[in-house]
Amino acid sequence: MILSEIASLVGGHLTAPESASDKQIRAVRSMQEAGPQDLTFLANPKYRGELLKIQAGAILLSEPFAELSTPQIIVPDPYLALARVMQIFYPLPSPRHGIHSQASVAEDVLLESPVEVGPSAVIREGCRIGAGTIIGPGVYIGARVVIGKGCLLHPGVVIREDCHIGNRVIIQPNAVIGSDGFGYAADNQGHRHKIPQIGRVTVGDDVEIGANSTIDRATFGETVIGAGTKIDNLVQIAHNVRIGENCVIVAQAGISGSSRLGNRVILAGQAGVVGHIEIGSDSMIGAQSGVARSLPERSRVSGSPAISHKLWLRIQTILGDLPGILGRLRMLERKGGRTGDPAERRDDHE
């Protein structure tokens, strides 16, 4: 691909001699690895001082760098431009091998051509698989599952019965969609009796689900993952949860049953959400936060229990000073004596 085509693709301005517009670019690499036929990028300004060291054939930048002789493509967001270029250089695989002889596909399964089914994959009765979808080795697809067009299911994925998967969905290895929700009823002796989970999971278009993540089927109705949502590895989403569009759920986060997330919510790593609450659209939940109550739109919270992110930051700045503050307080008490009704005070040992 030549430089002028790349600049046009990302809507950027090529700052280079006219002769450089036809320069061939064959790969995309980091600043440290890129060679004369590679494109690189700078998204974080703190690495701007490294620009004079690069050997790349061209670079994506948000602002021109006058001291650099390397051809530059100036774009508002180099990281977004990088994503678009890499999708051209490194596209997702397309179906090429058809149905492997060692795959098990029920007779009534509807496969829209072309579809690829890898070895040891199992597709049960009543399923429908859209054109352009790849089912990797060892994938299990339960009865009556519907999968849209252009999906990619990596090895070891499990999709249980009756679930619906949209178009262009990517599911990373060993993710489980439609496992039973965690539902039990206790009797007077404390024995817990399983409540059958008869709902399903519905996943919208352009969703990506990370490796070893689990999304439970609903007790009744649907667990829903909205279009464009990206789910990292090792995420647990419980029964009857509804997640809006274009959300980001980062690794090891957990969402308890029947909670609802609006659109464009970001749940950072190891954050937890209790059941039966709502988090408004455009909210951000900090890493390792515990959300125990509903939040309005555009909330910014951190900590456990979660509080305003600004207040949480102020608290963090004084934590290291607390031992000194306590020591000074006790010194003042010893010097000035205690005041107030002794009956209203607790002794130090209580």
Foldseek 3Di string as FASTA:
>chain_A
DFQLVLLVQQVWDKDAPPVRRRQAAQEEDDQVPAALNYEYEDQDVVCVVCQQVGHHQEYEYCDDDVVDNRIYTHDNGRVVSVVRVCCVNPPDDWDDDAEDPQEAEDPQEAEDPPEYAEHLEYADEQEYAEYREYHEHCEYEEHNEYAYHNEYEYHQEYAYPPEYHEYHEYEEHNEYFAAAFPDWDQDPVRDTHDQGQDAGEYEYAQEYAEHCEYAHAASHYYAYHEAQEYEYHQEYEGHLEHEYHNEYHYHLEYEDENEYEYYHEYEYANEYEYHDEYEEDCEYEDHNEYDDHHYYYHAYWYHYPTDGPVVVVVVVVCPVVVVVVVVVVVVVCVVPPDDDDPVVDDDPVD
